[in-house]
Amino acid sequence: IIIPVYAVSPYIERCVRSVMNQTYASIECVFVNDASPDDSIEKCEKMIASYQGPINFSILHHERNRGLSAARNTGLKAATGEYVFFMDSDDELPTDCIAILMKPVLDNPAIEMVQGNYELFSNAYPHGINPKRRELHDVYLSSLSSTRSCFYDKKAVNVFTWNKLVRRDFLYQHQLFFKEGLLWEDSLWMFYVMKYLSRLYITNQVTYYYYTRPGSI
């Protein structure tokens, strides 16, 4: 799990706690401190210091703020797991997120990506909750044409980087790193992912809680 951190002090403990509470035990979690100006990293360090579970936590540091793309690239280059999962530091995971996403690849290691469903929480709605949740069909796609159709025609594959479990060797083989200096870098990254992705599993189960907030990208 790769988590860039920048100016998220009010939210970071919720994020860290949700990772610590995962039911799937074989996890490494890499936080990338993108020169955060607040106490976000101090909160991370405090929680990790008192953690006694099976997850392997580490924190990497940028000497200067380089942006979300650079932070994700730093995390990706440091990751050692067979699969990587990008998470934003103001979001939250259900306790069975990684267990749900890992199940298809444990049955079929050829899968290059697993995408879960998500719920949106927004300040634009009463009590900060938007129960809107897109209904997806559980499906396994095993050809380049079928994954592209799912992305471009059916639009069942979203452009968000988060909430996707991706084989690390697939990303390295095709050099699918993030272009630095962009906002909405997810869209460009997913365009290149879809050039090569031919084995995709989509599940309708919710594996991510996505929070929108004033002032964020």
Protein backbone atom coordinates (compact mmCIF):
# COMPACT_ATOMS: atom_id res chain seq x y z
CA ILE A 1 0.00 0.00 0.00
CA ILE A 2 1.56 3.29 -1.14
CA ILE A 3 0.36 6.47 0.56
CA PRO A 4 1.71 9.95 -0.29
CA VAL A 5 1.40 12.35 2.65
CA TYR A 6 1.09 16.13 2.43
CA ALA A 7 -0.84 18.46 4.76
CA VAL A 8 -3.46 15.96 5.91
CA SER A 9 -3.20 16.26 9.69
CA PRO A 10 -6.98 16.12 10.34
CA TYR A 11 -7.35 12.91 8.30
CA ILE A 12 -4.12 10.92 8.50
CA GLU A 13 -4.94 8.98 11.68
CA ARG A 14 -8.17 7.71 10.12
CA CYS A 15 -6.16 6.58 7.08
CA VAL A 16 -3.42 4.84 9.09
CA ARG A 17 -5.91 3.14 11.40
CA SER A 18 -7.82 1.72 8.44
CA VAL A 19 -4.61 0.16 7.11
CA MET A 20 -3.72 -1.26 10.51
CA ASN A 21 -7.17 -2.84 10.75
CA GLN A 22 -6.85 -4.85 7.53
CA THR A 23 -7.78 -8.51 7.89
CA TYR A 24 -5.23 -9.53 5.22
CA ALA A 25 -1.94 -9.83 7.09
CA SER A 26 0.76 -10.03 4.40
CA ILE A 27 1.05 -6.29 3.71
CA GLU A 28 3.77 -3.69 3.51
CA CYS A 29 2.69 -0.06 3.74
CA VAL A 30 4.93 2.74 2.45
CA PHE A 31 4.20 6.33 3.45
CA VAL A 32 5.93 8.99 1.37
CA ASN A 33 6.39 12.29 3.18
CA ASP A 34 6.27 14.88 0.40
CA ALA A 35 7.79 17.56 2.68
CA SER A 36 4.51 17.94 4.53
CA PRO A 37 4.40 21.31 6.37
CA ASP A 38 2.19 20.10 9.24
CA ASP A 39 2.34 17.31 11.82
CA SER A 40 0.95 14.59 9.53
CA ILE A 41 4.15 12.55 9.58
CA GLU A 42 4.59 12.93 13.32
CA LYS A 43 1.12 11.43 13.75
CA CYS A 44 2.08 8.56 11.42
CA GLU A 45 5.28 7.90 13.34
CA LYS A 46 3.47 7.88 16.67
CA MET A 47 0.86 5.37 15.48
CA ILE A 48 3.46 3.11 13.84
CA ALA A 49 5.65 3.16 16.97
CA SER A 50 2.82 1.73 19.06
CA TYR A 51 1.61 -0.75 16.41
CA GLN A 52 2.21 -4.42 17.20
CA GLY A 53 0.53 -6.17 14.27
CA PRO A 54 1.86 -8.04 11.22
CA ILE A 55 1.94 -5.16 8.70
CA ASN A 56 5.37 -3.81 7.76
CA PHE A 57 5.31 0.01 7.83
CA SER A 58 7.95 2.38 6.49
CA ILE A 59 8.18 6.13 5.89
CA LEU A 60 10.21 7.70 3.08
CA HIS A 61 10.99 11.41 2.98
CA HIS A 62 11.28 13.97 0.19
CA GLU A 63 13.60 16.86 1.03
CA ARG A 64 11.24 19.24 -0.82
CA ASN A 65 7.67 19.13 -1.98
CA ARG A 66 7.63 17.40 -5.37
CA GLY A 67 3.94 16.64 -5.86
CA LEU A 68 1.66 13.62 -5.87
CA SER A 69 3.15 11.96 -8.96
CA ALA A 70 6.69 12.05 -7.58
CA ALA A 71 5.51 10.72 -4.21
CA ARG A 72 3.73 7.80 -5.86
CA ASN A 73 6.81 7.06 -7.97
CA THR A 74 9.01 7.07 -4.86
CA GLY A 75 6.65 4.62 -3.17
CA LEU A 76 6.44 2.40 -6.23
CA LYS A 77 10.22 2.18 -6.54
CA ALA A 78 10.50 1.21 -2.87
CA ALA A 79 7.69 -1.37 -2.89
CA THR A 80 8.65 -5.04 -2.76
CA GLY A 81 5.24 -6.76 -2.81
CA GLU A 82 3.90 -8.66 -5.81
CA TYR A 83 0.98 -6.24 -6.03
CA VAL A 84 0.73 -2.54 -5.24
CA PHE A 85 -2.26 -0.53 -4.07
CA PHE A 86 -2.31 3.28 -4.14
CA MET A 87 -4.24 5.10 -1.42
CA ASP A 88 -4.74 8.80 -0.72
CA SER A 89 -3.93 9.90 2.82
CA ASP A 90 -7.31 11.57 3.47
CA ASP A 91 -9.28 8.43 2.54
CA GLU A 92 -10.13 5.23 4.39
CA LEU A 93 -10.25 1.49 3.74
CA PRO A 94 -12.87 -1.01 4.90
CA THR A 95 -11.22 -3.69 7.02
CA ASP A 96 -11.51 -6.35 4.30
CA CYS A 97 -10.29 -4.18 1.39
CA ILE A 98 -7.05 -6.00 0.62
CA ALA A 99 -8.54 -9.43 1.39
CA ILE A 100 -11.33 -8.83 -1.16
CA LEU A 101 -8.96 -7.55 -3.85
CA MET A 102 -6.43 -10.34 -3.28
CA LYS A 103 -8.95 -13.15 -3.56
CA PRO A 104 -9.15 -13.14 -7.41
CA VAL A 105 -5.36 -13.05 -7.85
CA LEU A 106 -4.83 -15.87 -5.38
CA ASP A 107 -7.10 -17.94 -7.62
CA ASN A 108 -5.58 -16.57 -10.84
CA PRO A 109 -2.09 -15.02 -10.55
CA ALA A 110 -2.21 -13.94 -14.21
CA ILE A 111 -4.56 -11.07 -13.31
CA GLU A 112 -2.78 -7.75 -13.77
CA MET A 113 -5.30 -5.49 -12.02
CA VAL A 114 -8.24 -5.80 -9.64
CA GLN A 115 -10.58 -2.84 -9.24
CA GLY A 116 -13.05 -2.56 -6.38
CA ASN A 117 -16.09 -0.37 -5.85
CA TYR A 118 -16.08 2.70 -3.61
CA GLU A 119 -18.36 4.95 -1.57
CA LEU A 120 -18.12 8.73 -1.73
CA PHE A 121 -18.23 10.95 1.32
CA SER A 122 -18.56 14.67 0.54
CA ASN A 123 -19.08 17.91 2.42
CA ALA A 124 -21.54 18.88 -0.31
CA TYR A 125 -24.16 16.53 1.17
CA PRO A 126 -26.03 16.62 4.51
CA HIS A 127 -23.89 15.23 7.32
CA GLY A 128 -21.03 14.88 4.83
CA ILE A 129 -22.35 11.64 3.40
CA ASN A 130 -23.28 10.82 -0.16
CA PRO A 131 -24.66 7.29 -0.25
CA LYS A 132 -24.34 7.21 -4.02
CA ARG A 133 -22.51 4.10 -5.07
CA ARG A 134 -22.12 2.89 -8.60
CA GLU A 135 -23.36 -0.63 -9.24
CA LEU A 136 -20.78 -2.74 -11.03
CA HIS A 137 -20.87 -6.34 -12.17
CA ASP A 138 -18.25 -8.81 -10.98
CA VAL A 139 -16.40 -9.64 -14.17
CA TYR A 140 -13.07 -11.03 -15.36
CA LEU A 141 -11.77 -9.63 -18.63
CA SER A 142 -8.96 -11.54 -20.32
CA SER A 143 -8.15 -9.65 -23.52
CA LEU A 144 -6.87 -6.22 -24.47
CA SER A 145 -9.98 -5.47 -26.53
CA SER A 146 -12.35 -6.37 -23.68
CA THR A 147 -10.53 -4.25 -21.09
CA ARG A 148 -10.45 -1.29 -23.48
CA SER A 149 -14.15 -1.66 -24.19
CA CYS A 150 -14.83 -1.72 -20.46
CA PHE A 151 -12.81 1.49 -20.07
CA TYR A 152 -13.85 3.52 -23.12
CA ASP A 153 -17.35 2.22 -23.93
CA LYS A 154 -18.87 0.89 -20.73
CA LYS A 155 -16.82 3.27 -18.56
CA ALA A 156 -16.75 0.69 -15.78
CA VAL A 157 -13.03 1.27 -15.22
CA ASN A 158 -12.48 4.64 -13.61
CA VAL A 159 -9.39 6.81 -14.05
CA PHE A 160 -8.59 7.04 -10.36
CA THR A 161 -5.27 5.57 -9.34
CA TRP A 162 -6.55 4.58 -5.91
CA ASN A 163 -8.55 1.43 -5.17
CA LYS A 164 -6.76 -0.66 -7.78
CA LEU A 165 -4.57 -3.62 -6.92
CA VAL A 166 -1.93 -3.84 -9.67
CA ARG A 167 0.84 -6.33 -10.32
CA ARG A 168 4.12 -4.58 -9.67
CA ASP A 169 5.98 -6.39 -12.46
CA PHE A 170 3.26 -5.25 -14.92
CA LEU A 171 3.94 -1.61 -13.99
CA TYR A 172 7.70 -2.08 -14.27
CA GLN A 173 7.55 -4.03 -17.52
CA HIS A 174 5.71 -1.16 -19.21
CA GLN A 175 7.39 1.62 -17.19
CA LEU A 176 4.04 2.86 -15.92
CA PHE A 177 5.25 5.59 -13.61
CA PHE A 178 3.51 8.94 -13.07
CA LYS A 179 4.40 12.06 -15.01
CA GLU A 180 5.53 14.70 -12.56
CA GLY A 181 4.27 18.28 -12.51
CA LEU A 182 0.66 17.48 -13.48
CA LEU A 183 -2.68 17.82 -11.77
CA TRP A 184 -5.08 14.96 -12.56
CA GLU A 185 -2.10 12.79 -13.37
CA ASP A 186 -4.37 9.76 -12.89
CA SER A 187 -5.99 10.30 -16.30
CA LEU A 188 -2.70 10.20 -18.18
CA TRP A 189 -1.46 7.23 -16.16
CA MET A 190 -4.63 5.24 -16.85
CA PHE A 191 -4.41 6.00 -20.56
CA TYR A 192 -1.03 4.28 -20.67
CA VAL A 193 -2.20 1.47 -18.40
CA MET A 194 -5.02 0.74 -20.86
CA LYS A 195 -2.50 0.41 -23.69
CA TYR A 196 -1.27 -2.81 -22.08
CA LEU A 197 -3.88 -4.10 -19.62
CA SER A 198 -5.36 -7.39 -20.81
CA ARG A 199 -6.28 -9.23 -17.59
CA LEU A 200 -8.61 -7.25 -15.35
CA TYR A 201 -10.96 -8.30 -12.58
CA ILE A 202 -13.72 -5.93 -11.38
CA THR A 203 -15.68 -6.52 -8.18
CA ASN A 204 -18.82 -4.73 -7.04
CA GLN A 205 -17.77 -5.03 -3.40
CA VAL A 206 -16.86 -1.73 -1.75
CA THR A 207 -13.15 -1.64 -0.96
CA TYR A 208 -12.56 2.11 -0.57
CA TYR A 209 -14.09 5.13 1.17
CA TYR A 210 -13.36 8.24 -0.89
CA TYR A 211 -13.56 11.62 0.87
CA THR A 212 -13.75 14.92 -0.97
CA ARG A 213 -12.92 18.10 0.93
CA PRO A 214 -12.41 21.81 0.28
CA GLY A 215 -8.92 22.71 -0.86
CA SER A 216 -7.88 19.26 -2.08
CA ILE A 217 -7.11 18.41 -5.71
